[in-house]
N, C-alpha and C. Protein backbone atom coordinates (compact mmCIF):
# COMPACT_ATOMS: atom_id res chain seq x y z
N MET A 1 -26.02 -37.69 -13.82
CA MET A 1 -26.56 -36.36 -13.64
C MET A 1 -25.59 -35.30 -14.15
N ASP A 2 -26.13 -34.28 -14.68
CA ASP A 2 -25.32 -33.20 -15.21
C ASP A 2 -25.25 -32.08 -14.17
N ARG A 3 -24.05 -31.67 -13.80
CA ARG A 3 -23.90 -30.67 -12.74
C ARG A 3 -23.57 -29.29 -13.29
N ARG A 4 -24.02 -29.00 -14.43
CA ARG A 4 -23.77 -27.68 -15.00
C ARG A 4 -24.60 -26.63 -14.28
N THR A 5 -23.99 -25.49 -14.08
CA THR A 5 -24.72 -24.38 -13.46
C THR A 5 -25.21 -23.44 -14.54
N THR A 6 -26.09 -22.60 -14.18
CA THR A 6 -26.57 -21.64 -15.16
C THR A 6 -25.47 -20.64 -15.44
N PRO A 7 -25.28 -20.29 -16.69
CA PRO A 7 -24.21 -19.34 -17.01
C PRO A 7 -24.51 -17.97 -16.42
N LYS A 8 -23.46 -17.35 -15.90
CA LYS A 8 -23.62 -16.02 -15.32
C LYS A 8 -23.59 -14.98 -16.42
N THR A 9 -24.34 -13.96 -16.22
CA THR A 9 -24.32 -12.87 -17.19
C THR A 9 -23.07 -12.04 -16.97
N ARG A 10 -22.74 -11.26 -17.95
CA ARG A 10 -21.54 -10.43 -17.86
C ARG A 10 -21.63 -9.44 -16.69
N ALA A 11 -22.80 -8.92 -16.43
CA ALA A 11 -22.99 -7.97 -15.34
C ALA A 11 -22.73 -8.65 -13.99
N ASP A 12 -23.15 -9.90 -13.84
CA ASP A 12 -22.94 -10.62 -12.59
C ASP A 12 -21.45 -10.87 -12.35
N THR A 13 -20.76 -11.34 -13.35
CA THR A 13 -19.34 -11.65 -13.18
C THR A 13 -18.53 -10.37 -13.05
N GLY A 14 -18.88 -9.33 -13.77
CA GLY A 14 -18.15 -8.07 -13.70
C GLY A 14 -18.28 -7.42 -12.34
N ARG A 15 -19.45 -7.47 -11.77
CA ARG A 15 -19.65 -6.83 -10.47
C ARG A 15 -18.86 -7.55 -9.38
N SER A 16 -18.89 -8.86 -9.37
CA SER A 16 -18.17 -9.58 -8.33
C SER A 16 -16.65 -9.40 -8.51
N ARG A 17 -16.20 -9.34 -9.75
CA ARG A 17 -14.78 -9.10 -10.01
C ARG A 17 -14.39 -7.72 -9.51
N GLU A 18 -15.25 -6.75 -9.78
CA GLU A 18 -14.99 -5.39 -9.32
C GLU A 18 -14.93 -5.33 -7.79
N ASP A 19 -15.83 -6.04 -7.14
CA ASP A 19 -15.82 -6.08 -5.68
C ASP A 19 -14.56 -6.75 -5.15
N ARG A 20 -14.13 -7.83 -5.81
CA ARG A 20 -12.90 -8.51 -5.39
C ARG A 20 -11.69 -7.61 -5.56
N LEU A 21 -11.64 -6.90 -6.68
CA LEU A 21 -10.52 -6.00 -6.92
C LEU A 21 -10.49 -4.86 -5.91
N LYS A 22 -11.67 -4.35 -5.60
CA LYS A 22 -11.77 -3.27 -4.63
C LYS A 22 -11.28 -3.71 -3.25
N SER A 23 -11.73 -4.89 -2.83
CA SER A 23 -11.29 -5.36 -1.51
C SER A 23 -9.81 -5.73 -1.51
N ALA A 24 -9.30 -6.25 -2.61
CA ALA A 24 -7.88 -6.56 -2.68
C ALA A 24 -7.04 -5.29 -2.60
N LEU A 25 -7.49 -4.24 -3.28
CA LEU A 25 -6.78 -2.97 -3.24
C LEU A 25 -6.80 -2.38 -1.83
N LYS A 26 -7.95 -2.45 -1.18
CA LYS A 26 -8.08 -1.93 0.18
C LYS A 26 -7.13 -2.68 1.13
N ALA A 27 -7.09 -4.01 1.01
CA ALA A 27 -6.22 -4.81 1.86
C ALA A 27 -4.75 -4.49 1.58
N ASN A 28 -4.41 -4.31 0.31
CA ASN A 28 -3.04 -4.00 -0.07
C ASN A 28 -2.60 -2.65 0.50
N LEU A 29 -3.48 -1.65 0.40
CA LEU A 29 -3.14 -0.34 0.95
C LEU A 29 -2.98 -0.39 2.46
N ALA A 30 -3.84 -1.13 3.14
CA ALA A 30 -3.73 -1.27 4.59
C ALA A 30 -2.42 -1.95 4.97
N ARG A 31 -2.04 -2.97 4.21
CA ARG A 31 -0.79 -3.68 4.49
C ARG A 31 0.42 -2.76 4.26
N ARG A 32 0.39 -1.98 3.19
CA ARG A 32 1.50 -1.07 2.91
C ARG A 32 1.60 0.04 3.95
N LYS A 33 0.45 0.53 4.42
CA LYS A 33 0.47 1.54 5.48
C LYS A 33 1.10 0.98 6.74
N ALA A 34 0.74 -0.24 7.09
CA ALA A 34 1.29 -0.89 8.29
C ALA A 34 2.80 -1.08 8.13
N GLN A 35 3.25 -1.45 6.94
CA GLN A 35 4.68 -1.62 6.70
C GLN A 35 5.42 -0.29 6.84
N MET A 36 4.83 0.78 6.32
CA MET A 36 5.48 2.09 6.41
C MET A 36 5.54 2.56 7.86
N ARG A 37 4.49 2.31 8.62
CA ARG A 37 4.50 2.68 10.04
C ARG A 37 5.59 1.91 10.77
N ALA A 38 5.68 0.62 10.52
CA ALA A 38 6.69 -0.22 11.17
C ALA A 38 8.09 0.22 10.76
N ARG A 39 8.27 0.54 9.51
CA ARG A 39 9.57 0.99 9.02
C ARG A 39 9.93 2.33 9.65
N GLY A 40 8.96 3.22 9.77
CA GLY A 40 9.21 4.53 10.38
C GLY A 40 9.56 4.40 11.84
N ASP A 41 8.90 3.51 12.55
CA ASP A 41 9.19 3.30 13.97
C ASP A 41 10.58 2.75 14.17
N SER A 42 10.99 1.82 13.33
CA SER A 42 12.30 1.19 13.50
C SER A 42 13.42 2.11 13.02
N ASP A 43 13.17 3.01 12.09
CA ASP A 43 14.21 3.89 11.56
C ASP A 43 14.47 5.10 12.44
N GLU A 44 13.50 5.50 13.27
CA GLU A 44 13.64 6.74 14.03
C GLU A 44 14.85 6.75 14.94
N GLY A 45 15.05 5.77 15.76
CA GLY A 45 16.13 5.80 16.72
C GLY A 45 17.43 5.25 16.21
N ARG A 46 17.46 4.63 15.08
CA ARG A 46 18.64 3.93 14.62
C ARG A 46 19.75 4.89 14.20
N ASP A 47 19.47 5.83 13.33
CA ASP A 47 20.51 6.70 12.80
C ASP A 47 20.53 8.08 13.43
N GLY A 48 19.52 8.43 14.16
CA GLY A 48 19.44 9.76 14.74
C GLY A 48 18.91 10.74 13.70
N PRO A 49 18.89 12.01 14.04
CA PRO A 49 18.35 13.00 13.10
C PRO A 49 19.27 13.19 11.91
N VAL A 50 18.70 13.52 10.80
CA VAL A 50 19.47 13.75 9.58
C VAL A 50 20.00 15.17 9.63
N ASP A 51 21.31 15.33 9.43
CA ASP A 51 21.94 16.64 9.46
C ASP A 51 21.93 17.23 8.06
N THR A 52 21.19 18.29 7.89
CA THR A 52 21.12 18.93 6.58
C THR A 52 21.98 20.18 6.60
N PRO A 53 22.66 20.47 5.51
CA PRO A 53 23.50 21.66 5.47
C PRO A 53 22.65 22.94 5.51
N THR A 54 23.18 23.94 6.16
CA THR A 54 22.50 25.23 6.22
C THR A 54 23.25 26.23 5.36
N ASP A 55 22.73 27.41 5.22
CA ASP A 55 23.39 28.44 4.42
C ASP A 55 24.75 28.82 5.01
N THR A 56 24.88 28.84 6.32
CA THR A 56 26.15 29.20 6.95
C THR A 56 27.21 28.11 6.75
N ASP A 57 26.79 26.85 6.57
CA ASP A 57 27.74 25.76 6.32
C ASP A 57 28.41 25.92 4.95
N THR A 58 27.68 26.41 3.97
CA THR A 58 28.23 26.50 2.61
C THR A 58 29.04 27.78 2.40
N ASP A 59 28.93 28.76 3.30
CA ASP A 59 29.65 30.03 3.14
C ASP A 59 31.01 30.03 3.81
N LYS A 60 31.48 28.93 4.35
CA LYS A 60 32.75 28.88 5.09
C LYS A 60 33.94 28.65 4.17
N GLU A 61 34.13 29.42 3.17
CA GLU A 61 35.28 29.22 2.28
C GLU A 61 36.35 30.19 2.49
């Protein structure tokens, strides 16, 4: 017996590929957002607030 399937048209394969790419992108963005949240939570208490120079700090010459 021959188990060949009917060939898919370009529109059929393109649409499913587009759907796969869309869902992969969505999953990737969700994963990156979760990583950034986790990184932000762990970085907050570790180093303390960042001290930025003010105008009065640079005028002390």
